[in-house]
Amino acid sequence: MTKHKDQRVAVFVDVQNMYYSGKNLFGKKLNFGMVLKKAVFGRELIRAFAYAIKANMPDEQNFRDALHNIGYEVKIKDLQVF
Protein backbone atom coordinates (compact mmCIF):
# COMPACT_ATOMS: atom_id res chain seq x y z
CA MET A 1 0.00 0.00 0.00
CA THR A 2 1.37 3.38 -0.98
CA LYS A 3 1.51 5.95 1.78
CA HIS A 4 0.04 9.34 0.90
CA LYS A 5 0.76 11.56 3.88
CA ASP A 6 -1.13 14.53 2.42
CA GLN A 7 -4.40 12.60 2.19
CA ARG A 8 -7.19 13.05 4.71
CA VAL A 9 -9.13 9.99 5.87
CA ALA A 10 -12.51 9.29 7.42
CA VAL A 11 -13.16 5.79 8.80
CA PHE A 12 -16.60 4.15 9.06
CA VAL A 13 -16.95 0.90 11.02
CA ASP A 14 -19.98 -1.40 11.32
CA VAL A 15 -19.21 -2.67 14.82
CA GLN A 16 -21.47 -5.74 15.05
CA ASN A 17 -20.65 -6.92 11.54
CA MET A 18 -16.89 -6.70 12.08
CA TYR A 19 -16.98 -8.02 15.66
CA TYR A 20 -19.04 -11.12 14.86
CA SER A 21 -17.22 -11.77 11.58
CA GLY A 22 -13.92 -11.91 13.44
CA LYS A 23 -15.40 -14.04 16.19
CA ASN A 24 -17.32 -16.52 14.01
CA LEU A 25 -14.96 -16.78 11.03
CA PHE A 26 -11.61 -16.68 12.80
CA GLY A 27 -12.43 -17.36 16.46
CA LYS A 28 -10.71 -14.14 17.49
CA LYS A 29 -11.58 -10.72 18.84
CA LEU A 30 -11.10 -7.83 16.46
CA ASN A 31 -8.70 -5.11 17.57
CA PHE A 32 -10.63 -1.96 16.64
CA GLY A 33 -7.66 0.21 17.57
CA MET A 34 -5.51 -1.62 15.04
CA VAL A 35 -8.28 -1.30 12.42
CA LEU A 36 -8.19 2.46 12.88
CA LYS A 37 -4.40 2.61 12.82
CA LYS A 38 -4.17 0.51 9.63
CA ALA A 39 -6.96 2.47 7.92
CA VAL A 40 -5.29 5.80 8.63
CA PHE A 41 -1.79 4.51 7.74
CA GLY A 42 0.06 7.73 8.53
CA ARG A 43 -2.46 10.01 6.85
CA GLU A 44 -4.50 12.76 8.52
CA LEU A 45 -7.53 11.34 10.32
CA ILE A 46 -10.53 13.64 9.96
CA ARG A 47 -13.13 11.53 11.83
CA ALA A 48 -13.71 7.91 12.74
CA PHE A 49 -17.24 6.62 13.18
CA ALA A 50 -18.26 3.33 14.82
CA TYR A 51 -21.88 2.37 14.19
CA ALA A 52 -23.28 0.03 16.84
CA ILE A 53 -26.61 -1.45 17.87
CA LYS A 54 -27.96 -1.18 21.39
CA ALA A 55 -28.61 -4.81 22.27
CA ASN A 56 -28.70 -4.70 26.11
CA MET A 57 -25.76 -7.09 26.46
CA PRO A 58 -23.46 -7.24 29.52
CA ASP A 59 -20.52 -4.81 29.31
CA GLU A 60 -22.01 -3.18 26.22
CA GLN A 61 -21.42 0.33 27.58
CA ASN A 62 -17.84 -0.51 28.54
CA PHE A 63 -17.20 -1.70 24.98
CA ARG A 64 -18.64 1.51 23.51
CA ASP A 65 -16.60 3.57 25.96
CA ALA A 66 -13.46 1.71 24.85
CA LEU A 67 -14.25 2.51 21.20
CA HIS A 68 -14.69 6.16 22.14
CA ASN A 69 -11.37 6.19 24.02
CA ILE A 70 -9.59 4.73 20.97
CA GLY A 71 -10.83 7.66 18.89
CA TYR A 72 -14.14 6.59 17.36
CA GLU A 73 -17.31 8.64 17.47
CA VAL A 74 -19.81 5.96 18.48
CA LYS A 75 -23.26 6.15 16.89
CA ILE A 76 -25.91 3.90 18.48
CA LYS A 77 -29.25 2.68 17.17
CA ASP A 78 -31.80 0.44 18.87
CA LEU A 79 -31.96 -3.19 17.81
CA GLN A 80 -34.78 -3.76 15.35
CA VAL A 81 -36.62 -7.05 15.59
CA PHE A 82 -38.73 -8.17 12.67
PDB file of N, CA and C in Angstrom:
ATOM      1  N   MET A   1       0.842  -1.182   0.000  1.00  0.00           N
ATOM      2  CA  MET A   1       0.000   0.000   0.000  1.00  0.00           C
ATOM      3  C   MET A   1       0.881   1.237   0.000  1.00  0.00           C
ATOM      4  N   THR A   2       0.609   2.152  -0.887  1.00  0.00           N
ATOM      5  CA  THR A   2       1.367   3.379  -0.983  1.00  0.00           C
ATOM      6  C   THR A   2       0.890   4.370   0.069  1.00  0.00           C
ATOM      7  N   LYS A   3       1.830   4.977   0.730  1.00  0.00           N
ATOM      8  CA  LYS A   3       1.512   5.948   1.776  1.00  0.00           C
ATOM      9  C   LYS A   3       1.404   7.342   1.167  1.00  0.00           C
ATOM     10  N   HIS A   4       0.273   7.989   1.395  1.00  0.00           N
ATOM     11  CA  HIS A   4       0.036   9.342   0.897  1.00  0.00           C
ATOM     12  C   HIS A   4      -0.213  10.245   2.095  1.00  0.00           C
ATOM     13  N   LYS A   5       0.861  10.803   2.634  1.00  0.00           N
ATOM     14  CA  LYS A   5       0.757  11.557   3.882  1.00  0.00           C
ATOM     15  C   LYS A   5      -0.098  12.817   3.783  1.00  0.00           C
ATOM     16  N   ASP A   6      -0.322  13.333   2.575  1.00  0.00           N
ATOM     17  CA  ASP A   6      -1.129  14.534   2.418  1.00  0.00           C
ATOM     18  C   ASP A   6      -2.625  14.233   2.331  1.00  0.00           C
ATOM     19  N   GLN A   7      -2.998  12.960   2.271  1.00  0.00           N
ATOM     20  CA  GLN A   7      -4.403  12.603   2.192  1.00  0.00           C
ATOM     21  C   GLN A   7      -5.076  12.734   3.552  1.00  0.00           C
ATOM     22  N   ARG A   8      -6.371  13.010   3.502  1.00  0.00           N
ATOM     23  CA  ARG A   8      -7.191  13.046   4.708  1.00  0.00           C
ATOM     24  C   ARG A   8      -8.126  11.850   4.653  1.00  0.00           C
ATOM     25  N   VAL A   9      -8.377  11.242   5.815  1.00  0.00           N
ATOM     26  CA  VAL A   9      -9.129   9.990   5.865  1.00  0.00           C
ATOM     27  C   VAL A   9     -10.265  10.075   6.877  1.00  0.00           C
ATOM     28  N   ALA A  10     -11.408   9.512   6.493  1.00  0.00           N
ATOM     29  CA  ALA A  10     -12.511   9.285   7.423  1.00  0.00           C
ATOM     30  C   ALA A  10     -12.729   7.776   7.459  1.00  0.00           C
ATOM     31  N   VAL A  11     -12.991   7.233   8.636  1.00  0.00           N
ATOM     32  CA  VAL A  11     -13.164   5.792   8.804  1.00  0.00           C
ATOM     33  C   VAL A  11     -14.574   5.522   9.308  1.00  0.00           C
ATOM     34  N   PHE A  12     -15.247   4.539   8.689  1.00  0.00           N
ATOM     35  CA  PHE A  12     -16.603   4.148   9.064  1.00  0.00           C
ATOM     36  C   PHE A  12     -16.604   2.655   9.364  1.00  0.00           C
ATOM     37  N   VAL A  13     -16.999   2.284  10.585  1.00  0.00           N
ATOM     38  CA  VAL A  13     -16.949   0.895  11.019  1.00  0.00           C
ATOM     39  C   VAL A  13     -18.339   0.421  11.437  1.00  0.00           C
ATOM     40  N   ASP A  14     -18.757  -0.716  10.898  1.00  0.00           N
ATOM     41  CA  ASP A  14     -19.981  -1.395  11.319  1.00  0.00           C
ATOM     42  C   ASP A  14     -19.558  -2.356  12.431  1.00  0.00           C
ATOM     43  N   VAL A  15     -19.757  -1.958  13.670  1.00  0.00           N
ATOM     44  CA  VAL A  15     -19.207  -2.670  14.824  1.00  0.00           C
ATOM     45  C   VAL A  15     -19.663  -4.126  14.894  1.00  0.00           C
ATOM     46  N   GLN A  16     -20.972  -4.363  14.890  1.00  0.00           N
ATOM     47  CA  GLN A  16     -21.467  -5.735  15.046  1.00  0.00           C
ATOM     48  C   GLN A  16     -21.004  -6.627  13.902  1.00  0.00           C
ATOM     49  N   ASN A  17     -21.057  -6.127  12.685  1.00  0.00           N
ATOM     50  CA  ASN A  17     -20.647  -6.916  11.538  1.00  0.00           C
ATOM     51  C   ASN A  17     -19.178  -7.330  11.654  1.00  0.00           C
ATOM     52  N   MET A  18     -18.315  -6.393  11.970  1.00  0.00           N
ATOM     53  CA  MET A  18     -16.887  -6.696  12.080  1.00  0.00           C
ATOM     54  C   MET A  18     -16.586  -7.560  13.302  1.00  0.00           C
ATOM     55  N   TYR A  19     -17.224  -7.259  14.435  1.00  0.00           N
ATOM     56  CA  TYR A  19     -16.984  -8.019  15.658  1.00  0.00           C
ATOM     57  C   TYR A  19     -17.354  -9.490  15.473  1.00  0.00           C
ATOM     58  N   TYR A  20     -18.580  -9.735  14.989  1.00  0.00           N
ATOM     59  CA  TYR A  20     -19.043 -11.120  14.860  1.00  0.00           C
ATOM     60  C   TYR A  20     -18.393 -11.845  13.691  1.00  0.00           C
ATOM     61  N   SER A  21     -17.966 -11.132  12.665  1.00  0.00           N
ATOM     62  CA  SER A  21     -17.221 -11.772  11.582  1.00  0.00           C
ATOM     63  C   SER A  21     -15.888 -12.290  12.103  1.00  0.00           C
ATOM     64  N   GLY A  22     -15.189 -11.469  12.861  1.00  0.00           N
ATOM     65  CA  GLY A  22     -13.920 -11.911  13.440  1.00  0.00           C
ATOM     66  C   GLY A  22     -14.106 -13.070  14.393  1.00  0.00           C
ATOM     67  N   LYS A  23     -15.146 -12.991  15.198  1.00  0.00           N
ATOM     68  CA  LYS A  23     -15.404 -14.038  16.192  1.00  0.00           C
ATOM     69  C   LYS A  23     -15.819 -15.353  15.537  1.00  0.00           C
ATOM     70  N   ASN A  24     -16.777 -15.287  14.611  1.00  0.00           N
ATOM     71  CA  ASN A  24     -17.319 -16.516  14.013  1.00  0.00           C
ATOM     72  C   ASN A  24     -16.432 -17.102  12.921  1.00  0.00           C
ATOM     73  N   LEU A  25     -15.783 -16.271  12.127  1.00  0.00           N
ATOM     74  CA  LEU A  25     -14.959 -16.778  11.027  1.00  0.00           C
ATOM     75  C   LEU A  25     -13.565 -17.192  11.477  1.00  0.00           C
ATOM     76  N   PHE A  26     -12.992 -16.443  12.422  1.00  0.00           N
ATOM     77  CA  PHE A  26     -11.611 -16.680  12.804  1.00  0.00           C
ATOM     78  C   PHE A  26     -11.434 -17.060  14.267  1.00  0.00           C
ATOM     79  N   GLY A  27     -12.517 -17.018  15.043  1.00  0.00           N
ATOM     80  CA  GLY A  27     -12.429 -17.361  16.455  1.00  0.00           C
ATOM     81  C   GLY A  27     -11.593 -16.390  17.260  1.00  0.00           C
ATOM     82  N   LYS A  28     -11.532 -15.141  16.817  1.00  0.00           N
ATOM     83  CA  LYS A  28     -10.705 -14.142  17.491  1.00  0.00           C
ATOM     84  C   LYS A  28     -11.480 -12.845  17.682  1.00  0.00           C
ATOM     85  N   LYS A  29     -11.012 -12.042  18.632  1.00  0.00           N
ATOM     86  CA  LYS A  29     -11.581 -10.719  18.844  1.00  0.00           C
ATOM     87  C   LYS A  29     -10.872  -9.737  17.910  1.00  0.00           C
ATOM     88  N   LEU A  30     -11.649  -8.837  17.348  1.00  0.00           N
ATOM     89  CA  LEU A  30     -11.100  -7.826  16.458  1.00  0.00           C
ATOM     90  C   LEU A  30     -10.516  -6.683  17.274  1.00  0.00           C
ATOM     91  N   ASN A  31      -9.348  -6.240  16.906  1.00  0.00           N
ATOM     92  CA  ASN A  31      -8.704  -5.111  17.566  1.00  0.00           C
ATOM     93  C   ASN A  31      -9.105  -3.839  16.817  1.00  0.00           C
ATOM     94  N   PHE A  32     -10.119  -3.142  17.315  1.00  0.00           N
ATOM     95  CA  PHE A  32     -10.633  -1.958  16.636  1.00  0.00           C
ATOM     96  C   PHE A  32      -9.615  -0.819  16.611  1.00  0.00           C
ATOM     97  N   GLY A  33      -8.727  -0.782  17.580  1.00  0.00           N
ATOM     98  CA  GLY A  33      -7.658   0.214  17.569  1.00  0.00           C
ATOM     99  C   GLY A  33      -6.705  -0.022  16.413  1.00  0.00           C
ATOM    100  N   MET A  34      -6.392  -1.282  16.150  1.00  0.00           N
ATOM    101  CA  MET A  34      -5.506  -1.621  15.035  1.00  0.00           C
ATOM    102  C   MET A  34      -6.207  -1.359  13.701  1.00  0.00           C
ATOM    103  N   VAL A  35      -7.517  -1.605  13.640  1.00  0.00           N
ATOM    104  CA  VAL A  35      -8.275  -1.300  12.421  1.00  0.00           C
ATOM    105  C   VAL A  35      -8.130   0.180  12.090  1.00  0.00           C
ATOM    106  N   LEU A  36      -8.305   1.024  13.088  1.00  0.00           N
ATOM    107  CA  LEU A  36      -8.193   2.463  12.883  1.00  0.00           C
ATOM    108  C   LEU A  36      -6.775   2.845  12.461  1.00  0.00           C
ATOM    109  N   LYS A  37      -5.795   2.300  13.135  1.00  0.00           N
ATOM    110  CA  LYS A  37      -4.395   2.607  12.816  1.00  0.00           C
ATOM    111  C   LYS A  37      -4.054   2.197  11.388  1.00  0.00           C
ATOM    112  N   LYS A  38      -4.464   0.998  10.979  1.00  0.00           N
ATOM    113  CA  LYS A  38      -4.169   0.507   9.628  1.00  0.00           C
ATOM    114  C   LYS A  38      -4.933   1.298   8.571  1.00  0.00           C
ATOM    115  N   ALA A  39      -6.163   1.702   8.880  1.00  0.00           N
ATOM    116  CA  ALA A  39      -6.958   2.468   7.919  1.00  0.00           C
ATOM    117  C   ALA A  39      -6.362   3.860   7.687  1.00  0.00           C
ATOM    118  N   VAL A  40      -5.862   4.461   8.746  1.00  0.00           N
ATOM    119  CA  VAL A  40      -5.288   5.803   8.632  1.00  0.00           C
ATOM    120  C   VAL A  40      -3.912   5.735   7.970  1.00  0.00           C
ATOM    121  N   PHE A  41      -3.096   4.790   8.360  1.00  0.00           N
ATOM    122  CA  PHE A  41      -1.790   4.510   7.739  1.00  0.00           C
ATOM    123  C   PHE A  41      -0.948   5.766   7.531  1.00  0.00           C
ATOM    124  N   GLY A  42      -0.810   6.570   8.589  1.00  0.00           N
ATOM    125  CA  GLY A  42       0.063   7.733   8.531  1.00  0.00           C
ATOM    126  C   GLY A  42      -0.546   8.968   7.882  1.00  0.00           C
ATOM    127  N   ARG A  43      -1.795   8.866   7.462  1.00  0.00           N
ATOM    128  CA  ARG A  43      -2.461  10.014   6.854  1.00  0.00           C
ATOM    129  C   ARG A  43      -3.196  10.809   7.926  1.00  0.00           C
ATOM    130  N   GLU A  44      -3.781  11.919   7.561  1.00  0.00           N
ATOM    131  CA  GLU A  44      -4.497  12.758   8.523  1.00  0.00           C
ATOM    132  C   GLU A  44      -5.911  12.212   8.739  1.00  0.00           C
ATOM    133  N   LEU A  45      -6.206  11.832   9.967  1.00  0.00           N
ATOM    134  CA  LEU A  45      -7.533  11.344  10.316  1.00  0.00           C
ATOM    135  C   LEU A  45      -8.455  12.537  10.540  1.00  0.00           C
ATOM    136  N   ILE A  46      -9.535  12.575   9.784  1.00  0.00           N
ATOM    137  CA  ILE A  46     -10.529  13.636   9.958  1.00  0.00           C
ATOM    138  C   ILE A  46     -11.521  13.218  11.042  1.00  0.00           C
ATOM    139  N   ARG A  47     -12.185  12.067  10.848  1.00  0.00           N
ATOM    140  CA  ARG A  47     -13.125  11.535  11.835  1.00  0.00           C
ATOM    141  C   ARG A  47     -13.212  10.030  11.657  1.00  0.00           C
ATOM    142  N   ALA A  48     -13.505   9.359  12.759  1.00  0.00           N
ATOM    143  CA  ALA A  48     -13.713   7.909  12.738  1.00  0.00           C
ATOM    144  C   ALA A  48     -15.045   7.619  13.411  1.00  0.00           C
ATOM    145  N   PHE A  49     -15.922   6.953  12.672  1.00  0.00           N
ATOM    146  CA  PHE A  49     -17.242   6.615  13.185  1.00  0.00           C
ATOM    147  C   PHE A  49     -17.348   5.119  13.421  1.00  0.00           C
ATOM    148  N   ALA A  50     -17.957   4.741  14.528  1.00  0.00           N
ATOM    149  CA  ALA A  50     -18.257   3.332  14.822  1.00  0.00           C
ATOM    150  C   ALA A  50     -19.761   3.236  15.026  1.00  0.00           C
ATOM    151  N   TYR A  51     -20.428   2.526  14.126  1.00  0.00           N
ATOM    152  CA  TYR A  51     -21.878   2.366  14.191  1.00  0.00           C
ATOM    153  C   TYR A  51     -22.209   1.077  14.924  1.00  0.00           C
ATOM    154  N   ALA A  52     -22.972   1.189  16.005  1.00  0.00           N
ATOM    155  CA  ALA A  52     -23.281   0.032  16.843  1.00  0.00           C
ATOM    156  C   ALA A  52     -24.781  -0.030  17.131  1.00  0.00           C
ATOM    157  N   ILE A  53     -25.217  -1.214  17.517  1.00  0.00           N
ATOM    158  CA  ILE A  53     -26.615  -1.448  17.866  1.00  0.00           C
ATOM    159  C   ILE A  53     -26.718  -1.637  19.371  1.00  0.00           C
ATOM    160  N   LYS A  54     -27.701  -0.999  19.972  1.00  0.00           N
ATOM    161  CA  LYS A  54     -27.963  -1.176  21.394  1.00  0.00           C
ATOM    162  C   LYS A  54     -28.705  -2.495  21.566  1.00  0.00           C
ATOM    163  N   ALA A  55     -28.037  -3.469  22.163  1.00  0.00           N
ATOM    164  CA  ALA A  55     -28.609  -4.814  22.266  1.00  0.00           C
ATOM    165  C   ALA A  55     -28.803  -5.268  23.712  1.00  0.00           C
ATOM    166  N   ASN A  56     -28.550  -4.376  24.679  1.00  0.00           N
ATOM    167  CA  ASN A  56     -28.699  -4.703  26.107  1.00  0.00           C
ATOM    168  C   ASN A  56     -27.908  -5.946  26.516  1.00  0.00           C
ATOM    169  N   MET A  57     -26.659  -5.989  26.110  1.00  0.00           N
ATOM    170  CA  MET A  57     -25.758  -7.088  26.459  1.00  0.00           C
ATOM    171  C   MET A  57     -24.865  -6.635  27.623  1.00  0.00           C
ATOM    172  N   PRO A  58     -24.376  -7.600  28.424  1.00  0.00           N
ATOM    173  CA  PRO A  58     -23.464  -7.239  29.516  1.00  0.00           C
ATOM    174  C   PRO A  58     -22.207  -6.546  28.973  1.00  0.00           C
ATOM    175  N   ASP A  59     -21.734  -5.559  29.669  1.00  0.00           N
ATOM    176  CA  ASP A  59     -20.523  -4.806  29.314  1.00  0.00           C
ATOM    177  C   ASP A  59     -20.629  -4.049  27.999  1.00  0.00           C
ATOM    178  N   GLU A  60     -21.821  -3.895  27.485  1.00  0.00           N
ATOM    179  CA  GLU A  60     -22.011  -3.178  26.216  1.00  0.00           C
ATOM    180  C   GLU A  60     -21.515  -1.734  26.321  1.00  0.00           C
ATOM    181  N   GLN A  61     -21.846  -1.056  27.412  1.00  0.00           N
ATOM    182  CA  GLN A  61     -21.425   0.332  27.575  1.00  0.00           C
ATOM    183  C   GLN A  61     -19.911   0.430  27.713  1.00  0.00           C
ATOM    184  N   ASN A  62     -19.303  -0.518  28.416  1.00  0.00           N
ATOM    185  CA  ASN A  62     -17.835  -0.511  28.538  1.00  0.00           C
ATOM    186  C   ASN A  62     -17.169  -0.653  27.177  1.00  0.00           C
ATOM    187  N   PHE A  63     -17.735  -1.500  26.324  1.00  0.00           N
ATOM    188  CA  PHE A  63     -17.200  -1.701  24.979  1.00  0.00           C
ATOM    189  C   PHE A  63     -17.308  -0.412  24.169  1.00  0.00           C
ATOM    190  N   ARG A  64     -18.470   0.248  24.237  1.00  0.00           N
ATOM    191  CA  ARG A  64     -18.644   1.506  23.506  1.00  0.00           C
ATOM    192  C   ARG A  64     -17.715   2.586  24.051  1.00  0.00           C
ATOM    193  N   ASP A  65     -17.530   2.615  25.367  1.00  0.00           N
ATOM    194  CA  ASP A  65     -16.596   3.575  25.963  1.00  0.00           C
ATOM    195  C   ASP A  65     -15.169   3.325  25.471  1.00  0.00           C
ATOM    196  N   ALA A  66     -14.801   2.059  25.348  1.00  0.00           N
ATOM    197  CA  ALA A  66     -13.462   1.712  24.853  1.00  0.00           C
ATOM    198  C   ALA A  66     -13.293   2.195  23.411  1.00  0.00           C
ATOM    199  N   LEU A  67     -14.312   2.017  22.582  1.00  0.00           N
ATOM    200  CA  LEU A  67     -14.253   2.508  21.198  1.00  0.00           C
ATOM    201  C   LEU A  67     -14.066   4.025  21.186  1.00  0.00           C
ATOM    202  N   HIS A  68     -14.806   4.704  22.042  1.00  0.00           N
ATOM    203  CA  HIS A  68     -14.694   6.165  22.136  1.00  0.00           C
ATOM    204  C   HIS A  68     -13.278   6.570  22.551  1.00  0.00           C
ATOM    205  N   ASN A  69     -12.717   5.871  23.526  1.00  0.00           N
ATOM    206  CA  ASN A  69     -11.369   6.191  24.023  1.00  0.00           C
ATOM    207  C   ASN A  69     -10.290   5.932  22.975  1.00  0.00           C
ATOM    208  N   ILE A  70     -10.534   5.006  22.060  1.00  0.00           N
ATOM    209  CA  ILE A  70      -9.592   4.730  20.973  1.00  0.00           C
ATOM    210  C   ILE A  70      -9.597   5.869  19.960  1.00  0.00           C
ATOM    211  N   GLY A  71     -10.752   6.551  19.833  1.00  0.00           N
ATOM    212  CA  GLY A  71     -10.826   7.657  18.892  1.00  0.00           C
ATOM    213  C   GLY A  71     -12.035   7.644  17.984  1.00  0.00           C
ATOM    214  N   TYR A  72     -12.933   6.679  18.181  1.00  0.00           N
ATOM    215  CA  TYR A  72     -14.138   6.593  17.365  1.00  0.00           C
ATOM    216  C   TYR A  72     -15.250   7.461  17.948  1.00  0.00           C
ATOM    217  N   GLU A  73     -16.053   8.030  17.073  1.00  0.00           N
ATOM    218  CA  GLU A  73     -17.312   8.642  17.474  1.00  0.00           C
ATOM    219  C   GLU A  73     -18.347   7.526  17.358  1.00  0.00           C
ATOM    220  N   VAL A  74     -18.906   7.109  18.472  1.00  0.00           N
ATOM    221  CA  VAL A  74     -19.808   5.964  18.485  1.00  0.00           C
ATOM    222  C   VAL A  74     -21.245   6.432  18.253  1.00  0.00           C
ATOM    223  N   LYS A  75     -21.872   5.861  17.243  1.00  0.00           N
ATOM    224  CA  LYS A  75     -23.262   6.146  16.895  1.00  0.00           C
ATOM    225  C   LYS A  75     -24.076   4.895  17.212  1.00  0.00           C
ATOM    226  N   ILE A  76     -25.148   5.048  17.996  1.00  0.00           N
ATOM    227  CA  ILE A  76     -25.908   3.899  18.478  1.00  0.00           C
ATOM    228  C   ILE A  76     -27.351   3.970  17.993  1.00  0.00           C
ATOM    229  N   LYS A  77     -27.838   2.822  17.547  1.00  0.00           N
ATOM    230  CA  LYS A  77     -29.250   2.678  17.175  1.00  0.00           C
ATOM    231  C   LYS A  77     -29.827   1.519  17.969  1.00  0.00           C
ATOM    232  N   ASP A  78     -31.125   1.554  18.193  1.00  0.00           N
ATOM    233  CA  ASP A  78     -31.800   0.443  18.869  1.00  0.00           C
ATOM    234  C   ASP A  78     -31.868  -0.771  17.948  1.00  0.00           C
ATOM    235  N   LEU A  79     -31.814  -1.934  18.559  1.00  0.00           N
ATOM    236  CA  LEU A  79     -31.956  -3.188  17.812  1.00  0.00           C
ATOM    237  C   LEU A  79     -33.364  -3.284  17.247  1.00  0.00           C
ATOM    238  N   GLN A  80     -33.481  -3.593  15.984  1.00  0.00           N
ATOM    239  CA  GLN A  80     -34.783  -3.755  15.349  1.00  0.00           C
ATOM    240  C   GLN A  80     -35.074  -5.241  15.201  1.00  0.00           C
ATOM    241  N   VAL A  81     -36.226  -5.655  15.690  1.00  0.00           N
ATOM    242  CA  VAL A  81     -36.622  -7.048  15.592  1.00  0.00           C
ATOM    243  C   VAL A  81     -37.798  -7.136  14.639  1.00  0.00           C
ATOM    244  N   PHE A  82     -37.674  -8.004  13.658  1.00  0.00           N
ATOM    245  CA  PHE A  82     -38.734  -8.173  12.666  1.00  0.00           C
ATOM    246  C   PHE A  82     -39.427  -9.493  12.845  1.00  0.00           C
TER     247      PHE A  82
END
